[in-house]
N, C-alpha and C. Protein backbone atom coordinates (compact mmCIF):
# COMPACT_ATOMS: atom_id res chain seq x y z
N MET A 1 189.01 61.73 119.00
CA MET A 1 190.18 62.48 119.41
C MET A 1 191.30 61.52 119.79
N THR A 2 192.47 61.70 119.25
CA THR A 2 193.60 60.84 119.56
C THR A 2 194.34 61.38 120.77
N SER A 3 194.79 60.46 121.58
CA SER A 3 195.53 60.81 122.78
C SER A 3 197.01 61.00 122.43
N GLU A 4 197.65 61.91 123.13
CA GLU A 4 199.07 62.19 122.89
C GLU A 4 199.93 60.99 123.28
N ILE A 5 200.88 60.65 122.43
CA ILE A 5 201.78 59.54 122.70
C ILE A 5 202.78 59.97 123.77
N LYS A 6 202.86 59.16 124.83
CA LYS A 6 203.79 59.42 125.93
C LYS A 6 205.08 58.63 125.78
N TYR A 7 204.97 57.45 125.13
CA TYR A 7 206.14 56.60 124.88
C TYR A 7 205.81 55.70 123.70
N THR A 8 206.81 55.48 122.86
CA THR A 8 206.64 54.52 121.78
C THR A 8 207.98 53.93 121.40
N ASP A 9 207.95 52.66 121.03
CA ASP A 9 209.11 51.98 120.44
C ASP A 9 208.54 50.90 119.52
N ARG A 10 209.34 49.95 119.10
CA ARG A 10 208.83 48.94 118.17
C ARG A 10 207.98 47.87 118.85
N LEU A 11 207.91 47.91 120.20
CA LEU A 11 207.17 46.91 120.96
C LEU A 11 205.84 47.41 121.50
N VAL A 12 205.79 48.67 121.93
CA VAL A 12 204.58 49.24 122.53
C VAL A 12 204.45 50.71 122.18
N THR A 13 203.22 51.20 122.31
CA THR A 13 202.95 52.64 122.32
C THR A 13 202.06 52.89 123.52
N ILE A 14 202.41 53.91 124.32
CA ILE A 14 201.65 54.25 125.50
C ILE A 14 201.13 55.68 125.36
N THR A 15 199.82 55.83 125.55
CA THR A 15 199.20 57.15 125.57
C THR A 15 198.52 57.31 126.93
N ASP A 16 197.82 58.42 127.13
CA ASP A 16 197.08 58.60 128.38
C ASP A 16 195.91 57.64 128.49
N GLU A 17 195.45 57.12 127.37
CA GLU A 17 194.24 56.31 127.36
C GLU A 17 194.45 54.82 127.12
N GLU A 18 195.61 54.43 126.54
CA GLU A 18 195.77 53.03 126.15
C GLU A 18 197.23 52.64 126.02
N ILE A 19 197.45 51.32 126.00
CA ILE A 19 198.74 50.75 125.65
C ILE A 19 198.50 49.85 124.45
N ILE A 20 199.28 50.05 123.42
CA ILE A 20 199.20 49.21 122.23
C ILE A 20 200.41 48.28 122.26
N PHE A 21 200.13 46.97 122.21
CA PHE A 21 201.19 45.96 122.20
C PHE A 21 201.32 45.45 120.77
N TYR A 22 202.49 45.65 120.17
CA TYR A 22 202.73 45.20 118.80
C TYR A 22 203.15 43.73 118.80
N ASN A 23 202.91 43.04 117.70
CA ASN A 23 203.25 41.63 117.55
C ASN A 23 202.66 40.79 118.68
N TYR A 24 201.43 41.08 119.02
CA TYR A 24 200.77 40.41 120.14
C TYR A 24 200.30 39.00 119.76
N TYR A 25 199.58 38.92 118.66
CA TYR A 25 198.96 37.65 118.29
C TYR A 25 199.93 36.73 117.57
N PHE A 26 199.87 35.46 117.94
CA PHE A 26 200.74 34.44 117.35
C PHE A 26 200.43 34.28 115.87
N LEU A 27 201.43 34.16 115.07
CA LEU A 27 201.40 33.98 113.61
C LEU A 27 201.00 35.24 112.85
N THR A 28 199.95 35.94 113.26
CA THR A 28 199.52 37.11 112.49
C THR A 28 200.35 38.35 112.82
N GLY A 29 200.88 38.41 114.04
CA GLY A 29 201.67 39.56 114.43
C GLY A 29 200.86 40.83 114.63
N LYS A 30 199.54 40.70 114.69
CA LYS A 30 198.70 41.89 114.87
C LYS A 30 198.86 42.47 116.27
N LYS A 31 198.47 43.72 116.41
CA LYS A 31 198.59 44.41 117.69
C LYS A 31 197.35 44.21 118.55
N LYS A 32 197.52 44.46 119.84
CA LYS A 32 196.40 44.43 120.79
C LYS A 32 196.41 45.76 121.52
N THR A 33 195.24 46.37 121.63
CA THR A 33 195.10 47.63 122.33
C THR A 33 194.36 47.39 123.64
N VAL A 34 194.94 47.88 124.73
CA VAL A 34 194.34 47.75 126.05
C VAL A 34 194.13 49.15 126.62
N LYS A 35 192.92 49.44 127.02
CA LYS A 35 192.62 50.72 127.65
C LYS A 35 193.28 50.78 129.03
N ILE A 36 193.82 51.93 129.39
CA ILE A 36 194.44 52.11 130.71
C ILE A 36 193.44 51.76 131.81
N ASN A 37 192.18 52.11 131.63
CA ASN A 37 191.15 51.83 132.63
C ASN A 37 190.89 50.34 132.82
N ASP A 38 191.33 49.50 131.86
CA ASP A 38 191.15 48.06 131.96
C ASP A 38 192.33 47.37 132.63
N ILE A 39 193.30 48.16 133.09
CA ILE A 39 194.48 47.60 133.75
C ILE A 39 194.33 47.80 135.25
N GLU A 40 194.35 46.68 135.98
CA GLU A 40 194.26 46.73 137.43
C GLU A 40 195.56 47.27 138.03
N GLY A 41 196.68 46.89 137.45
CA GLY A 41 197.98 47.34 137.92
C GLY A 41 199.07 46.68 137.10
N VAL A 42 200.29 47.18 137.26
CA VAL A 42 201.44 46.65 136.53
C VAL A 42 202.55 46.38 137.54
N SER A 43 203.12 45.18 137.49
CA SER A 43 204.29 44.91 138.33
C SER A 43 205.55 45.06 137.48
N VAL A 44 206.60 45.51 138.13
CA VAL A 44 207.90 45.68 137.48
C VAL A 44 208.82 44.65 138.11
N GLU A 45 209.37 43.77 137.28
CA GLU A 45 210.17 42.68 137.82
C GLU A 45 211.51 42.59 137.11
N LYS A 46 212.51 42.17 137.87
CA LYS A 46 213.81 41.88 137.27
C LYS A 46 213.62 40.66 136.38
N ALA A 47 214.09 40.73 135.17
CA ALA A 47 213.91 39.63 134.22
C ALA A 47 214.72 38.41 134.66
N THR A 48 214.02 37.30 134.84
CA THR A 48 214.66 36.03 135.21
C THR A 48 214.08 34.91 134.36
N ILE A 49 214.72 33.78 134.41
CA ILE A 49 214.23 32.62 133.67
C ILE A 49 212.83 32.21 134.15
N LEU A 50 212.52 32.47 135.42
CA LEU A 50 211.23 32.06 135.99
C LEU A 50 210.07 32.97 135.59
N ASN A 51 210.34 34.22 135.22
CA ASN A 51 209.23 35.11 134.90
C ASN A 51 209.16 35.55 133.45
N GLY A 52 209.88 34.88 132.56
CA GLY A 52 209.69 35.14 131.14
C GLY A 52 210.86 35.72 130.38
N LYS A 53 212.03 35.80 130.99
CA LYS A 53 213.19 36.37 130.31
C LYS A 53 213.45 35.70 128.95
N TYR A 54 213.23 34.40 128.88
CA TYR A 54 213.50 33.67 127.64
C TYR A 54 212.22 33.30 126.88
N ARG A 55 211.10 33.87 127.28
CA ARG A 55 209.84 33.64 126.57
C ARG A 55 209.77 34.65 125.43
N ILE A 56 210.07 34.21 124.23
CA ILE A 56 210.10 35.11 123.08
C ILE A 56 208.69 35.54 122.67
N HIS A 57 207.75 34.60 122.73
CA HIS A 57 206.36 34.88 122.32
C HIS A 57 205.46 33.80 122.91
N GLY A 58 204.31 34.20 123.39
CA GLY A 58 203.34 33.22 123.86
C GLY A 58 203.30 33.11 125.37
N THR A 59 202.94 31.93 125.85
CA THR A 59 202.78 31.71 127.29
C THR A 59 203.44 30.41 127.72
N GLY A 60 203.83 30.38 128.96
CA GLY A 60 204.38 29.16 129.52
C GLY A 60 203.49 28.62 130.63
N ASN A 61 202.53 29.45 131.11
CA ASN A 61 201.70 29.04 132.24
C ASN A 61 200.19 29.25 131.99
N PHE A 62 199.81 29.62 130.80
CA PHE A 62 198.41 29.85 130.42
C PHE A 62 197.75 30.95 131.26
N LYS A 63 198.54 31.85 131.83
CA LYS A 63 198.00 32.97 132.59
C LYS A 63 198.58 34.30 132.11
N ILE A 64 199.86 34.29 131.70
CA ILE A 64 200.51 35.51 131.23
C ILE A 64 200.94 35.32 129.78
N TRP A 65 200.49 36.22 128.92
CA TRP A 65 200.82 36.18 127.49
C TRP A 65 201.90 37.22 127.19
N PHE A 66 202.91 36.81 126.44
CA PHE A 66 203.99 37.70 126.06
C PHE A 66 203.93 37.99 124.56
N PRO A 67 203.76 39.26 124.16
CA PRO A 67 203.89 39.61 122.75
C PRO A 67 205.32 39.31 122.30
N LYS A 68 205.50 39.13 121.02
CA LYS A 68 206.82 38.74 120.48
C LYS A 68 207.86 39.84 120.71
N ASP A 69 209.00 39.42 121.25
CA ASP A 69 210.17 40.29 121.41
C ASP A 69 211.40 39.40 121.36
N TYR A 70 212.06 39.38 120.20
CA TYR A 70 213.25 38.56 120.03
C TYR A 70 214.39 38.99 120.95
N SER A 71 214.36 40.23 121.42
CA SER A 71 215.43 40.74 122.29
C SER A 71 215.11 40.62 123.77
N ARG A 72 214.00 39.99 124.13
CA ARG A 72 213.62 39.87 125.54
C ARG A 72 214.73 39.26 126.40
N PRO A 73 215.47 38.24 125.95
CA PRO A 73 216.53 37.69 126.80
C PRO A 73 217.61 38.71 127.18
N LYS A 74 217.74 39.77 126.42
CA LYS A 74 218.75 40.79 126.71
C LYS A 74 218.23 41.90 127.62
N ARG A 75 216.94 41.91 127.90
CA ARG A 75 216.35 43.01 128.67
C ARG A 75 216.40 42.71 130.17
N ASP A 76 216.48 43.78 130.96
CA ASP A 76 216.61 43.65 132.42
C ASP A 76 215.28 43.67 133.15
N ILE A 77 214.27 44.31 132.55
CA ILE A 77 212.99 44.51 133.23
C ILE A 77 211.86 43.85 132.43
N ILE A 78 210.98 43.18 133.17
CA ILE A 78 209.75 42.64 132.59
C ILE A 78 208.58 43.29 133.33
N PHE A 79 207.61 43.76 132.58
CA PHE A 79 206.40 44.33 133.14
C PHE A 79 205.28 43.30 133.00
N ILE A 80 204.47 43.17 134.04
CA ILE A 80 203.29 42.32 133.96
C ILE A 80 202.07 43.22 134.17
N ALA A 81 201.24 43.34 133.15
CA ALA A 81 200.01 44.13 133.24
C ALA A 81 198.87 43.20 133.64
N TYR A 82 198.31 43.44 134.81
CA TYR A 82 197.19 42.65 135.31
C TYR A 82 195.90 43.31 134.83
N LEU A 83 195.16 42.56 134.02
CA LEU A 83 193.96 43.12 133.38
C LEU A 83 192.70 42.78 134.16
N LYS A 84 191.79 43.72 134.20
CA LYS A 84 190.50 43.51 134.85
C LYS A 84 189.63 42.63 133.96
N ASN A 85 188.95 41.68 134.55
CA ASN A 85 187.95 40.87 133.86
C ASN A 85 188.46 40.12 132.64
N GLN A 86 189.73 39.72 132.65
CA GLN A 86 190.27 38.91 131.56
C GLN A 86 191.11 37.78 132.15
N TRP A 87 191.12 36.67 131.45
CA TRP A 87 191.88 35.51 131.94
C TRP A 87 193.38 35.77 131.83
N PHE A 88 193.85 36.17 130.64
CA PHE A 88 195.27 36.39 130.43
C PHE A 88 195.69 37.77 130.88
N ASP A 89 196.82 37.84 131.56
CA ASP A 89 197.49 39.10 131.82
C ASP A 89 198.58 39.22 130.75
N ILE A 90 199.22 40.37 130.66
CA ILE A 90 200.20 40.59 129.60
C ILE A 90 201.57 40.86 130.20
N GLY A 91 202.52 40.03 129.82
CA GLY A 91 203.92 40.24 130.20
C GLY A 91 204.59 40.92 129.02
N PHE A 92 205.27 42.03 129.27
CA PHE A 92 205.85 42.74 128.14
C PHE A 92 207.17 43.39 128.51
N THR A 93 207.95 43.65 127.50
CA THR A 93 209.21 44.35 127.64
C THR A 93 209.18 45.54 126.70
N VAL A 94 210.05 46.49 126.97
CA VAL A 94 210.15 47.70 126.16
C VAL A 94 211.64 48.00 125.94
N GLU A 95 211.91 48.90 125.05
CA GLU A 95 213.30 49.24 124.76
C GLU A 95 213.92 50.13 125.83
N ASN A 96 213.11 50.92 126.54
CA ASN A 96 213.61 51.80 127.60
C ASN A 96 212.78 51.55 128.87
N GLY A 97 213.14 50.51 129.59
CA GLY A 97 212.38 50.09 130.76
C GLY A 97 212.31 51.13 131.86
N ASP A 98 213.39 51.83 132.12
CA ASP A 98 213.39 52.84 133.18
C ASP A 98 212.39 53.96 132.87
N HIS A 99 212.37 54.39 131.62
CA HIS A 99 211.45 55.46 131.23
C HIS A 99 209.99 55.00 131.37
N VAL A 100 209.70 53.79 130.93
CA VAL A 100 208.33 53.28 131.01
C VAL A 100 207.92 53.07 132.46
N GLU A 101 208.83 52.61 133.30
CA GLU A 101 208.50 52.45 134.71
C GLU A 101 208.10 53.80 135.32
N LYS A 102 208.88 54.84 135.05
CA LYS A 102 208.55 56.18 135.56
C LYS A 102 207.20 56.65 135.02
N LEU A 103 206.96 56.42 133.74
CA LEU A 103 205.69 56.82 133.13
C LEU A 103 204.51 56.11 133.78
N LEU A 104 204.63 54.81 133.99
CA LEU A 104 203.54 54.04 134.60
C LEU A 104 203.34 54.44 136.06
N ARG A 105 204.40 54.85 136.73
CA ARG A 105 204.27 55.35 138.11
C ARG A 105 203.46 56.64 138.14
N THR A 106 203.68 57.52 137.16
CA THR A 106 202.91 58.77 137.13
C THR A 106 201.42 58.50 136.89
N LYS A 107 201.11 57.37 136.30
CA LYS A 107 199.71 56.98 136.06
C LYS A 107 199.15 56.13 137.21
N ASN A 108 199.95 55.96 138.28
CA ASN A 108 199.57 55.15 139.45
C ASN A 108 199.19 53.72 139.07
N LEU A 109 199.91 53.15 138.10
CA LEU A 109 199.62 51.79 137.66
C LEU A 109 200.54 50.76 138.31
N ILE A 110 201.67 51.17 138.84
CA ILE A 110 202.65 50.23 139.37
C ILE A 110 202.15 49.62 140.69
N LYS A 111 202.16 48.29 140.74
CA LYS A 111 201.79 47.55 141.95
C LYS A 111 203.09 47.22 142.68
N GLU A 112 203.21 47.66 143.91
CA GLU A 112 204.38 47.32 144.72
C GLU A 112 204.19 45.92 145.30
N LYS A 113 205.29 45.20 145.41
CA LYS A 113 205.23 43.83 145.95
C LYS A 113 205.27 43.85 147.46
């Protein structure tokens, strides 16, 4: 049974059960699917040079992986998904950050600082 899509753009698709990150893997551009239950929480951060605003793809600290987004430097919000039982967490951006933040809040995924 497929879960209803709650949000989708060219970077991610979010359903009740999973988040699909497009252009996740380096060189191949393949997607990565993460079950909602495998996410410990998501932080919402103002995009800055220190947290990945200019990280187009990959990692700068070997802890947070960013799927490819050529427009990331233009975006205001960066989300960090903290994954259970995995070394890498996922830093990601979306085309409509406000909408995704509200959606993730309804799923009780947002971690307050």
